[in-house]
């Protein structure tokens, strides 16, 4: 085993990093070794196939959950929506600062 592999294995994951389980690490390494021998066209095709497979898996999971009458669809706000929300909150805060404090004791 080379020195860099020992360093990677001995270091604990930084906060917020995802650690792959050992069996997935083996699969990832096998995929990396296979990818080194591929052309760009083969890599592109493999990536599209993987994307399609994950899309079908996600569709199957959503179908199973829908059969159980569980609704998990939600919208993730865009950057524009988050900025608008922050601006609205800032305006509300300014209005609140201008008004008398309703909780203040006189």
PDB file of N, CA and C in Angstrom:
ATOM      1  N   UNK A   1       0.848  -1.170   0.000  1.00  0.00           N
ATOM      2  CA  UNK A   1       0.000   0.000   0.000  1.00  0.00           C
ATOM      3  C   UNK A   1       0.895   1.236   0.000  1.00  0.00           C
ATOM      4  N   UNK A   2       0.567   2.196  -0.850  1.00  0.00           N
ATOM      5  CA  UNK A   2       1.418   3.376  -0.911  1.00  0.00           C
ATOM      6  C   UNK A   2       1.094   4.348   0.222  1.00  0.00           C
ATOM      7  N   UNK A   3       1.922   5.359   0.368  1.00  0.00           N
ATOM      8  CA  UNK A   3       1.816   6.301   1.490  1.00  0.00           C
ATOM      9  C   UNK A   3       0.523   7.110   1.457  1.00  0.00           C
ATOM     10  N   UNK A   4       0.082   7.533   0.258  1.00  0.00           N
ATOM     11  CA  UNK A   4      -1.126   8.361   0.180  1.00  0.00           C
ATOM     12  C   UNK A   4      -2.359   7.572   0.595  1.00  0.00           C
ATOM     13  N   UNK A   5      -2.398   6.279   0.276  1.00  0.00           N
ATOM     14  CA  UNK A   5      -3.540   5.459   0.675  1.00  0.00           C
ATOM     15  C   UNK A   5      -3.578   5.314   2.193  1.00  0.00           C
ATOM     16  N   UNK A   6      -2.413   5.178   2.820  1.00  0.00           N
ATOM     17  CA  UNK A   6      -2.366   5.065   4.273  1.00  0.00           C
ATOM     18  C   UNK A   6      -2.863   6.347   4.924  1.00  0.00           C
ATOM     19  N   UNK A   7      -2.475   7.504   4.360  1.00  0.00           N
ATOM     20  CA  UNK A   7      -2.926   8.781   4.907  1.00  0.00           C
ATOM     21  C   UNK A   7      -4.433   8.921   4.809  1.00  0.00           C
ATOM     22  N   UNK A   8      -4.986   8.537   3.660  1.00  0.00           N
ATOM     23  CA  UNK A   8      -6.434   8.644   3.472  1.00  0.00           C
ATOM     24  C   UNK A   8      -7.178   7.737   4.438  1.00  0.00           C
ATOM     25  N   UNK A   9      -6.659   6.565   4.676  1.00  0.00           N
ATOM     26  CA  UNK A   9      -7.341   5.612   5.536  1.00  0.00           C
ATOM     27  C   UNK A   9      -7.203   5.979   7.010  1.00  0.00           C
ATOM     28  N   UNK A  10      -6.101   6.592   7.385  1.00  0.00           N
ATOM     29  CA  UNK A  10      -5.883   6.902   8.788  1.00  0.00           C
ATOM     30  C   UNK A  10      -6.585   8.192   9.210  1.00  0.00           C
ATOM     31  N   UNK A  11      -6.818   9.119   8.279  1.00  0.00           N
ATOM     32  CA  UNK A  11      -7.468  10.380   8.622  1.00  0.00           C
ATOM     33  C   UNK A  11      -8.969  10.184   8.761  1.00  0.00           C
ATOM     34  N   UNK A  12      -9.504  10.752   9.798  1.00  0.00           N
ATOM     35  CA  UNK A  12     -10.949  10.735   9.981  1.00  0.00           C
ATOM     36  C   UNK A  12     -11.562  11.741   9.020  1.00  0.00           C
ATOM     37  N   UNK A  13     -12.828  11.532   8.665  1.00  0.00           N
ATOM     38  CA  UNK A  13     -13.510  12.441   7.745  1.00  0.00           C
ATOM     39  C   UNK A  13     -13.696  13.791   8.418  1.00  0.00           C
ATOM     40  N   UNK A  14     -13.533  14.823   7.620  1.00  0.00           N
ATOM     41  CA  UNK A  14     -13.778  16.158   8.135  1.00  0.00           C
ATOM     42  C   UNK A  14     -15.269  16.316   8.383  1.00  0.00           C
ATOM     43  N   UNK A  15     -15.616  17.286   9.206  1.00  0.00           N
ATOM     44  CA  UNK A  15     -17.008  17.499   9.527  1.00  0.00           C
ATOM     45  C   UNK A  15     -17.796  17.803   8.258  1.00  0.00           C
ATOM     46  N   UNK A  16     -18.904  17.126   8.064  1.00  0.00           N
ATOM     47  CA  UNK A  16     -19.739  17.338   6.897  1.00  0.00           C
ATOM     48  C   UNK A  16     -19.376  16.483   5.699  1.00  0.00           C
ATOM     49  N   UNK A  17     -18.253  15.761   5.756  1.00  0.00           N
ATOM     50  CA  UNK A  17     -17.875  14.897   4.650  1.00  0.00           C
ATOM     51  C   UNK A  17     -18.620  13.580   4.748  1.00  0.00           C
ATOM     52  N   UNK A  18     -18.869  13.000   3.610  1.00  0.00           N
ATOM     53  CA  UNK A  18     -19.552  11.718   3.541  1.00  0.00           C
ATOM     54  C   UNK A  18     -18.520  10.608   3.437  1.00  0.00           C
ATOM     55  N   UNK A  19     -18.652   9.590   4.261  1.00  0.00           N
ATOM     56  CA  UNK A  19     -17.744   8.449   4.224  1.00  0.00           C
ATOM     57  C   UNK A  19     -18.481   7.293   3.561  1.00  0.00           C
ATOM     58  N   UNK A  20     -17.906   6.767   2.483  1.00  0.00           N
ATOM     59  CA  UNK A  20     -18.503   5.627   1.811  1.00  0.00           C
ATOM     60  C   UNK A  20     -18.278   4.365   2.633  1.00  0.00           C
ATOM     61  N   UNK A  21     -19.296   3.518   2.709  1.00  0.00           N
ATOM     62  CA  UNK A  21     -19.075   2.214   3.341  1.00  0.00           C
ATOM     63  C   UNK A  21     -18.022   1.427   2.556  1.00  0.00           C
ATOM     64  N   UNK A  22     -17.381   0.485   3.205  1.00  0.00           N
ATOM     65  CA  UNK A  22     -16.267  -0.235   2.609  1.00  0.00           C
ATOM     66  C   UNK A  22     -16.637  -0.913   1.292  1.00  0.00           C
ATOM     67  N   UNK A  23     -17.810  -1.554   1.235  1.00  0.00           N
ATOM     68  CA  UNK A  23     -18.187  -2.236  -0.008  1.00  0.00           C
ATOM     69  C   UNK A  23     -18.373  -1.241  -1.151  1.00  0.00           C
ATOM     70  N   UNK A  24     -18.843  -0.025  -0.851  1.00  0.00           N
ATOM     71  CA  UNK A  24     -18.973   0.995  -1.893  1.00  0.00           C
ATOM     72  C   UNK A  24     -17.613   1.567  -2.280  1.00  0.00           C
ATOM     73  N   UNK A  25     -16.677   1.602  -1.339  1.00  0.00           N
ATOM     74  CA  UNK A  25     -15.325   2.048  -1.670  1.00  0.00           C
ATOM     75  C   UNK A  25     -14.686   1.108  -2.681  1.00  0.00           C
ATOM     76  N   UNK A  26     -14.908  -0.193  -2.500  1.00  0.00           N
ATOM     77  CA  UNK A  26     -14.377  -1.168  -3.460  1.00  0.00           C
ATOM     78  C   UNK A  26     -15.014  -0.971  -4.833  1.00  0.00           C
ATOM     79  N   UNK A  27     -16.335  -0.766  -4.850  1.00  0.00           N
ATOM     80  CA  UNK A  27     -17.030  -0.549  -6.123  1.00  0.00           C
ATOM     81  C   UNK A  27     -16.545   0.729  -6.799  1.00  0.00           C
ATOM     82  N   UNK A  28     -16.330   1.769  -6.005  1.00  0.00           N
ATOM     83  CA  UNK A  28     -15.855   3.043  -6.550  1.00  0.00           C
ATOM     84  C   UNK A  28     -14.461   2.883  -7.152  1.00  0.00           C
ATOM     85  N   UNK A  29     -13.606   2.182  -6.457  1.00  0.00           N
ATOM     86  CA  UNK A  29     -12.241   1.975  -6.958  1.00  0.00           C
ATOM     87  C   UNK A  29     -12.258   1.144  -8.241  1.00  0.00           C
ATOM     88  N   UNK A  30     -13.106   0.133  -8.281  1.00  0.00           N
ATOM     89  CA  UNK A  30     -13.235  -0.695  -9.484  1.00  0.00           C
ATOM     90  C   UNK A  30     -13.716   0.161 -10.651  1.00  0.00           C
ATOM     91  N   UNK A  31     -14.678   1.047 -10.399  1.00  0.00           N
ATOM     92  CA  UNK A  31     -15.185   1.936 -11.447  1.00  0.00           C
ATOM     93  C   UNK A  31     -14.101   2.909 -11.905  1.00  0.00           C
ATOM     94  N   UNK A  32     -13.300   3.422 -10.965  1.00  0.00           N
ATOM     95  CA  UNK A  32     -12.210   4.335 -11.331  1.00  0.00           C
ATOM     96  C   UNK A  32     -11.192   3.640 -12.231  1.00  0.00           C
ATOM     97  N   UNK A  33     -10.856   2.399 -11.886  1.00  0.00           N
ATOM     98  CA  UNK A  33      -9.884   1.664 -12.690  1.00  0.00           C
ATOM     99  C   UNK A  33     -10.440   1.376 -14.085  1.00  0.00           C
ATOM    100  N   UNK A  34     -11.725   1.046 -14.175  1.00  0.00           N
ATOM    101  CA  UNK A  34     -12.350   0.814 -15.471  1.00  0.00           C
ATOM    102  C   UNK A  34     -12.446   2.075 -16.297  1.00  0.00           C
ATOM    103  N   UNK A  35     -12.687   3.205 -15.642  1.00  0.00           N
ATOM    104  CA  UNK A  35     -12.836   4.480 -16.349  1.00  0.00           C
ATOM    105  C   UNK A  35     -11.518   4.944 -16.952  1.00  0.00           C
ATOM    106  N   UNK A  36     -10.399   4.558 -16.368  1.00  0.00           N
ATOM    107  CA  UNK A  36      -9.105   4.979 -16.906  1.00  0.00           C
ATOM    108  C   UNK A  36      -8.855   4.405 -18.296  1.00  0.00           C
ATOM    109  N   UNK A  37      -9.487   3.284 -18.599  1.00  0.00           N
ATOM    110  CA  UNK A  37      -9.285   2.642 -19.893  1.00  0.00           C
ATOM    111  C   UNK A  37     -10.325   3.049 -20.924  1.00  0.00           C
ATOM    112  N   UNK A  38     -11.294   3.911 -20.549  1.00  0.00           N
ATOM    113  CA  UNK A  38     -12.380   4.296 -21.446  1.00  0.00           C
ATOM    114  C   UNK A  38     -12.041   5.550 -22.233  1.00  0.00           C
ATOM    115  N   UNK A  39     -12.677   5.666 -23.397  1.00  0.00           N
ATOM    116  CA  UNK A  39     -12.574   6.895 -24.181  1.00  0.00           C
ATOM    117  C   UNK A  39     -13.621   7.868 -23.647  1.00  0.00           C
ATOM    118  N   UNK A  40     -13.555   9.125 -24.098  1.00  0.00           N
ATOM    119  CA  UNK A  40     -14.528  10.130 -23.675  1.00  0.00           C
ATOM    120  C   UNK A  40     -15.943   9.725 -24.082  1.00  0.00           C
ATOM    121  N   UNK A  41     -16.105   9.141 -25.258  1.00  0.00           N
ATOM    122  CA  UNK A  41     -17.425   8.728 -25.720  1.00  0.00           C
ATOM    123  C   UNK A  41     -17.982   7.618 -24.834  1.00  0.00           C
ATOM    124  N   UNK A  42     -17.114   6.684 -24.444  1.00  0.00           N
ATOM    125  CA  UNK A  42     -17.550   5.601 -23.576  1.00  0.00           C
ATOM    126  C   UNK A  42     -17.916   6.129 -22.184  1.00  0.00           C
ATOM    127  N   UNK A  43     -17.134   7.078 -21.674  1.00  0.00           N
ATOM    128  CA  UNK A  43     -17.444   7.683 -20.378  1.00  0.00           C
ATOM    129  C   UNK A  43     -18.772   8.421 -20.429  1.00  0.00           C
ATOM    130  N   UNK A  44     -18.996   9.169 -21.505  1.00  0.00           N
ATOM    131  CA  UNK A  44     -20.234   9.921 -21.672  1.00  0.00           C
ATOM    132  C   UNK A  44     -21.425   8.966 -21.725  1.00  0.00           C
ATOM    133  N   UNK A  45     -21.291   7.891 -22.479  1.00  0.00           N
ATOM    134  CA  UNK A  45     -22.355   6.893 -22.592  1.00  0.00           C
ATOM    135  C   UNK A  45     -22.621   6.229 -21.245  1.00  0.00           C
ATOM    136  N   UNK A  46     -21.572   5.885 -20.522  1.00  0.00           N
ATOM    137  CA  UNK A  46     -21.725   5.263 -19.209  1.00  0.00           C
ATOM    138  C   UNK A  46     -22.414   6.212 -18.226  1.00  0.00           C
ATOM    139  N   UNK A  47     -22.065   7.483 -18.293  1.00  0.00           N
ATOM    140  CA  UNK A  47     -22.690   8.466 -17.408  1.00  0.00           C
ATOM    141  C   UNK A  47     -24.172   8.619 -17.722  1.00  0.00           C
ATOM    142  N   UNK A  48     -24.517   8.672 -19.009  1.00  0.00           N
ATOM    143  CA  UNK A  48     -25.928   8.773 -19.380  1.00  0.00           C
ATOM    144  C   UNK A  48     -26.703   7.528 -18.953  1.00  0.00           C
ATOM    145  N   UNK A  49     -26.089   6.364 -19.111  1.00  0.00           N
ATOM    146  CA  UNK A  49     -26.748   5.124 -18.670  1.00  0.00           C
ATOM    147  C   UNK A  49     -26.965   5.128 -17.163  1.00  0.00           C
ATOM    148  N   UNK A  50     -25.983   5.594 -16.416  1.00  0.00           N
ATOM    149  CA  UNK A  50     -26.106   5.667 -14.968  1.00  0.00           C
ATOM    150  C   UNK A  50     -27.197   6.651 -14.566  1.00  0.00           C
ATOM    151  N   UNK A  51     -27.226   7.808 -15.237  1.00  0.00           N
ATOM    152  CA  UNK A  51     -28.258   8.798 -14.959  1.00  0.00           C
ATOM    153  C   UNK A  51     -29.644   8.216 -15.227  1.00  0.00           C
ATOM    154  N   UNK A  52     -29.805   7.516 -16.359  1.00  0.00           N
ATOM    155  CA  UNK A  52     -31.080   6.912 -16.705  1.00  0.00           C
ATOM    156  C   UNK A  52     -31.483   5.868 -15.662  1.00  0.00           C
ATOM    157  N   UNK A  53     -30.526   5.068 -15.220  1.00  0.00           N
ATOM    158  CA  UNK A  53     -30.801   4.048 -14.217  1.00  0.00           C
ATOM    159  C   UNK A  53     -31.273   4.689 -12.914  1.00  0.00           C
ATOM    160  N   UNK A  54     -30.596   5.737 -12.479  1.00  0.00           N
ATOM    161  CA  UNK A  54     -30.994   6.421 -11.234  1.00  0.00           C
ATOM    162  C   UNK A  54     -32.352   7.085 -11.382  1.00  0.00           C
ATOM    163  N   UNK A  55     -32.643   7.616 -12.554  1.00  0.00           N
ATOM    164  CA  UNK A  55     -33.939   8.236 -12.814  1.00  0.00           C
ATOM    165  C   UNK A  55     -35.055   7.195 -12.709  1.00  0.00           C
ATOM    166  N   UNK A  56     -34.817   6.021 -13.278  1.00  0.00           N
ATOM    167  CA  UNK A  56     -35.810   4.943 -13.203  1.00  0.00           C
ATOM    168  C   UNK A  56     -35.972   4.442 -11.769  1.00  0.00           C
ATOM    169  N   UNK A  57     -34.876   4.371 -11.018  1.00  0.00           N
ATOM    170  CA  UNK A  57     -34.964   3.964  -9.614  1.00  0.00           C
ATOM    171  C   UNK A  57     -35.772   4.972  -8.813  1.00  0.00           C
ATOM    172  N   UNK A  58     -35.532   6.255  -9.066  1.00  0.00           N
ATOM    173  CA  UNK A  58     -36.265   7.303  -8.354  1.00  0.00           C
ATOM    174  C   UNK A  58     -37.748   7.229  -8.703  1.00  0.00           C
ATOM    175  N   UNK A  59     -38.053   6.990  -9.967  1.00  0.00           N
ATOM    176  CA  UNK A  59     -39.450   6.868 -10.385  1.00  0.00           C
ATOM    177  C   UNK A  59     -40.105   5.673  -9.693  1.00  0.00           C
ATOM    178  N   UNK A  60     -39.397   4.553  -9.595  1.00  0.00           N
ATOM    179  CA  UNK A  60     -39.939   3.368  -8.926  1.00  0.00           C
ATOM    180  C   UNK A  60     -40.192   3.640  -7.448  1.00  0.00           C
ATOM    181  N   UNK A  61     -39.261   4.323  -6.790  1.00  0.00           N
ATOM    182  CA  UNK A  61     -39.440   4.652  -5.375  1.00  0.00           C
ATOM    183  C   UNK A  61     -40.647   5.569  -5.190  1.00  0.00           C
ATOM    184  N   UNK A  62     -40.770   6.575  -6.046  1.00  0.00           N
ATOM    185  CA  UNK A  62     -41.916   7.484  -5.947  1.00  0.00           C
ATOM    186  C   UNK A  62     -43.226   6.740  -6.176  1.00  0.00           C
ATOM    187  N   UNK A  63     -43.228   5.787  -7.097  1.00  0.00           N
ATOM    188  CA  UNK A  63     -44.436   5.000  -7.358  1.00  0.00           C
ATOM    189  C   UNK A  63     -44.812   4.159  -6.142  1.00  0.00           C
ATOM    190  N   UNK A  64     -43.820   3.525  -5.521  1.00  0.00           N
ATOM    191  CA  UNK A  64     -44.091   2.728  -4.328  1.00  0.00           C
ATOM    192  C   UNK A  64     -44.625   3.587  -3.193  1.00  0.00           C
ATOM    193  N   UNK A  65     -44.054   4.755  -3.031  1.00  0.00           N
ATOM    194  CA  UNK A  65     -44.499   5.648  -1.961  1.00  0.00           C
ATOM    195  C   UNK A  65     -45.897   6.178  -2.257  1.00  0.00           C
ATOM    196  N   UNK A  66     -46.187   6.455  -3.526  1.00  0.00           N
ATOM    197  CA  UNK A  66     -47.513   6.930  -3.899  1.00  0.00           C
ATOM    198  C   UNK A  66     -48.569   5.860  -3.625  1.00  0.00           C
ATOM    199  N   UNK A  67     -48.216   4.592  -3.819  1.00  0.00           N
ATOM    200  CA  UNK A  67     -49.150   3.505  -3.529  1.00  0.00           C
ATOM    201  C   UNK A  67     -49.504   3.456  -2.048  1.00  0.00           C
ATOM    202  N   UNK A  68     -48.609   3.928  -1.212  1.00  0.00           N
ATOM    203  CA  UNK A  68     -48.850   3.966   0.227  1.00  0.00           C
ATOM    204  C   UNK A  68     -49.498   5.280   0.663  1.00  0.00           C
ATOM    205  N   UNK A  69     -49.865   6.117  -0.309  1.00  0.00           N
ATOM    206  CA  UNK A  69     -50.498   7.423  -0.054  1.00  0.00           C
ATOM    207  C   UNK A  69     -49.621   8.339   0.790  1.00  0.00           C
ATOM    208  N   UNK A  70     -48.339   8.339   0.494  1.00  0.00           N
ATOM    209  CA  UNK A  70     -47.392   9.219   1.170  1.00  0.00           C
ATOM    210  C   UNK A  70     -46.951  10.260   0.164  1.00  0.00           C
ATOM    211  N   UNK A  71     -47.060  11.528   0.510  1.00  0.00           N
ATOM    212  CA  UNK A  71     -46.673  12.609  -0.389  1.00  0.00           C
ATOM    213  C   UNK A  71     -45.342  13.187   0.067  1.00  0.00           C
ATOM    214  N   UNK A  72     -44.304  13.004  -0.752  1.00  0.00           N
ATOM    215  CA  UNK A  72     -42.988  13.533  -0.383  1.00  0.00           C
ATOM    216  C   UNK A  72     -42.508  14.605  -1.346  1.00  0.00           C
ATOM    217  N   UNK A  73     -43.366  15.003  -2.289  1.00  0.00           N
ATOM    218  CA  UNK A  73     -42.956  16.033  -3.232  1.00  0.00           C
ATOM    219  C   UNK A  73     -42.872  17.378  -2.516  1.00  0.00           C
ATOM    220  N   UNK A  74     -41.784  18.070  -2.719  1.00  0.00           N
ATOM    221  CA  UNK A  74     -41.609  19.393  -2.163  1.00  0.00           C
ATOM    222  C   UNK A  74     -40.734  20.189  -3.115  1.00  0.00           C
ATOM    223  N   UNK A  75     -40.888  21.480  -3.056  1.00  0.00           N
ATOM    224  CA  UNK A  75     -40.112  22.364  -3.911  1.00  0.00           C
ATOM    225  C   UNK A  75     -38.940  22.925  -3.125  1.00  0.00           C
ATOM    226  N   UNK A  76     -37.792  22.852  -3.714  1.00  0.00           N
ATOM    227  CA  UNK A  76     -36.618  23.481  -3.130  1.00  0.00           C
ATOM    228  C   UNK A  76     -36.562  24.901  -3.682  1.00  0.00           C
ATOM    229  N   UNK A  77     -36.523  25.900  -2.821  1.00  0.00           N
ATOM    230  CA  UNK A  77     -36.530  27.274  -3.329  1.00  0.00           C
ATOM    231  C   UNK A  77     -35.280  27.598  -4.133  1.00  0.00           C
ATOM    232  N   UNK A  78     -35.486  28.388  -5.171  1.00  0.00           N
ATOM    233  CA  UNK A  78     -34.364  28.822  -5.989  1.00  0.00           C
ATOM    234  C   UNK A  78     -33.651  29.977  -5.298  1.00  0.00           C
ATOM    235  N   UNK A  79     -32.490  30.358  -5.819  1.00  0.00           N
ATOM    236  CA  UNK A  79     -31.750  31.495  -5.259  1.00  0.00           C
ATOM    237  C   UNK A  79     -32.576  32.773  -5.335  1.00  0.00           C
ATOM    238  N   UNK A  80     -33.313  32.939  -6.428  1.00  0.00           N
ATOM    239  CA  UNK A  80     -34.137  34.141  -6.592  1.00  0.00           C
ATOM    240  C   UNK A  80     -35.229  34.177  -5.528  1.00  0.00           C
ATOM    241  N   UNK A  81     -35.879  33.027  -5.286  1.00  0.00           N
ATOM    242  CA  UNK A  81     -36.922  32.977  -4.274  1.00  0.00           C
ATOM    243  C   UNK A  81     -36.352  33.228  -2.879  1.00  0.00           C
ATOM    244  N   UNK A  82     -35.161  32.719  -2.614  1.00  0.00           N
ATOM    245  CA  UNK A  82     -34.544  32.948  -1.306  1.00  0.00           C
ATOM    246  C   UNK A  82     -34.192  34.422  -1.111  1.00  0.00           C
ATOM    247  N   UNK A  83     -33.680  35.066  -2.177  1.00  0.00           N
ATOM    248  CA  UNK A  83     -33.381  36.506  -2.078  1.00  0.00           C
ATOM    249  C   UNK A  83     -34.646  37.310  -1.815  1.00  0.00           C
ATOM    250  N   UNK A  84     -35.742  36.974  -2.517  1.00  0.00           N
ATOM    251  CA  UNK A  84     -37.009  37.672  -2.335  1.00  0.00           C
ATOM    252  C   UNK A  84     -37.507  37.487  -0.911  1.00  0.00           C
ATOM    253  N   UNK A  85     -37.395  36.272  -0.390  1.00  0.00           N
ATOM    254  CA  UNK A  85     -37.806  36.012   0.983  1.00  0.00           C
ATOM    255  C   UNK A  85     -36.973  36.826   1.972  1.00  0.00           C
ATOM    256  N   UNK A  86     -35.670  36.917   1.736  1.00  0.00           N
ATOM    257  CA  UNK A  86     -34.797  37.694   2.612  1.00  0.00           C
ATOM    258  C   UNK A  86     -35.145  39.176   2.550  1.00  0.00           C
ATOM    259  N   UNK A  87     -35.446  39.681   1.344  1.00  0.00           N
ATOM    260  CA  UNK A  87     -35.839  41.093   1.214  1.00  0.00           C
ATOM    261  C   UNK A  87     -37.147  41.362   1.943  1.00  0.00           C
ATOM    262  N   UNK A  88     -38.120  40.457   1.798  1.00  0.00           N
ATOM    263  CA  UNK A  88     -39.398  40.620   2.492  1.00  0.00           C
ATOM    264  C   UNK A  88     -39.202  40.595   4.001  1.00  0.00           C
ATOM    265  N   UNK A  89     -38.337  39.709   4.469  1.00  0.00           N
ATOM    266  CA  UNK A  89     -38.074  39.627   5.905  1.00  0.00           C
ATOM    267  C   UNK A  89     -37.386  40.893   6.401  1.00  0.00           C
ATOM    268  N   UNK A  90     -36.481  41.438   5.586  1.00  0.00           N
ATOM    269  CA  UNK A  90     -35.791  42.672   5.964  1.00  0.00           C
ATOM    270  C   UNK A  90     -36.787  43.828   6.053  1.00  0.00           C
ATOM    271  N   UNK A  91     -37.722  43.923   5.075  1.00  0.00           N
ATOM    272  CA  UNK A  91     -38.742  44.978   5.108  1.00  0.00           C
ATOM    273  C   UNK A  91     -39.630  44.822   6.330  1.00  0.00           C
ATOM    274  N   UNK A  92     -40.011  43.594   6.636  1.00  0.00           N
ATOM    275  CA  UNK A  92     -40.839  43.345   7.809  1.00  0.00           C
ATOM    276  C   UNK A  92     -40.090  43.745   9.074  1.00  0.00           C
ATOM    277  N   UNK A  93     -38.816  43.413   9.138  1.00  0.00           N
ATOM    278  CA  UNK A  93     -38.018  43.766  10.320  1.00  0.00           C
ATOM    279  C   UNK A  93     -37.919  45.278  10.461  1.00  0.00           C
ATOM    280  N   UNK A  94     -37.744  46.004   9.343  1.00  0.00           N
ATOM    281  CA  UNK A  94     -37.669  47.464   9.391  1.00  0.00           C
ATOM    282  C   UNK A  94     -38.986  48.056   9.880  1.00  0.00           C
ATOM    283  N   UNK A  95     -40.124  47.493   9.411  1.00  0.00           N
ATOM    284  CA  UNK A  95     -41.425  47.959   9.876  1.00  0.00           C
ATOM    285  C   UNK A  95     -41.573  47.719  11.366  1.00  0.00           C
ATOM    286  N   UNK A  96     -41.120  46.560  11.820  1.00  0.00           N
ATOM    287  CA  UNK A  96     -41.232  46.228  13.236  1.00  0.00           C
ATOM    288  C   UNK A  96     -40.352  47.154  14.065  1.00  0.00           C
ATOM    289  N   UNK A  97     -39.152  47.492  13.558  1.00  0.00           N
ATOM    290  CA  UNK A  97     -38.263  48.384  14.289  1.00  0.00           C
ATOM    291  C   UNK A  97     -38.840  49.783  14.399  1.00  0.00           C
ATOM    292  N   UNK A  98     -39.577  50.220  13.369  1.00  0.00           N
ATOM    293  CA  UNK A  98     -40.152  51.567  13.380  1.00  0.00           C
ATOM    294  C   UNK A  98     -41.309  51.662  14.346  1.00  0.00           C
ATOM    295  N   UNK A  99     -42.095  50.614  14.466  1.00  0.00           N
ATOM    296  CA  UNK A  99     -43.237  50.625  15.376  1.00  0.00           C
ATOM    297  C   UNK A  99     -42.763  50.531  16.821  1.00  0.00           C
ATOM    298  N   UNK A 100     -43.645  50.908  17.703  1.00  0.00           N
ATOM    299  CA  UNK A 100     -43.337  50.733  19.119  1.00  0.00           C
ATOM    300  C   UNK A 100     -43.275  49.250  19.433  1.00  0.00           C
ATOM    301  N   UNK A 101     -42.431  48.894  20.329  1.00  0.00           N
ATOM    302  CA  UNK A 101     -42.292  47.499  20.718  1.00  0.00           C
ATOM    303  C   UNK A 101     -43.549  47.081  21.489  1.00  0.00           C
ATOM    304  N   UNK A 102     -44.328  46.133  20.969  1.00  0.00           N
ATOM    305  CA  UNK A 102     -45.565  45.752  21.650  1.00  0.00           C
ATOM    306  C   UNK A 102     -45.327  45.047  22.978  1.00  0.00           C
ATOM    307  N   UNK A 103     -44.120  44.581  23.191  1.00  0.00           N
ATOM    308  CA  UNK A 103     -43.825  43.848  24.433  1.00  0.00           C
ATOM    309  C   UNK A 103     -43.133  44.732  25.470  1.00  0.00           C
ATOM    310  N   UNK A 104     -42.886  45.962  25.117  1.00  0.00           N
ATOM    311  CA  UNK A 104     -42.214  46.861  26.056  1.00  0.00           C
ATOM    312  C   UNK A 104     -43.175  47.260  27.167  1.00  0.00           C
ATOM    313  N   UNK A 105     -42.652  47.337  28.366  1.00  0.00           N
ATOM    314  CA  UNK A 105     -43.469  47.791  29.493  1.00  0.00           C
ATOM    315  C   UNK A 105     -43.255  49.276  29.667  1.00  0.00           C
ATOM    316  N   UNK A 106     -44.346  49.984  29.841  1.00  0.00           N
ATOM    317  CA  UNK A 106     -44.252  51.448  29.966  1.00  0.00           C
ATOM    318  C   UNK A 106     -44.170  51.887  31.384  1.00  0.00           C
TER     319      UNK A 106
END
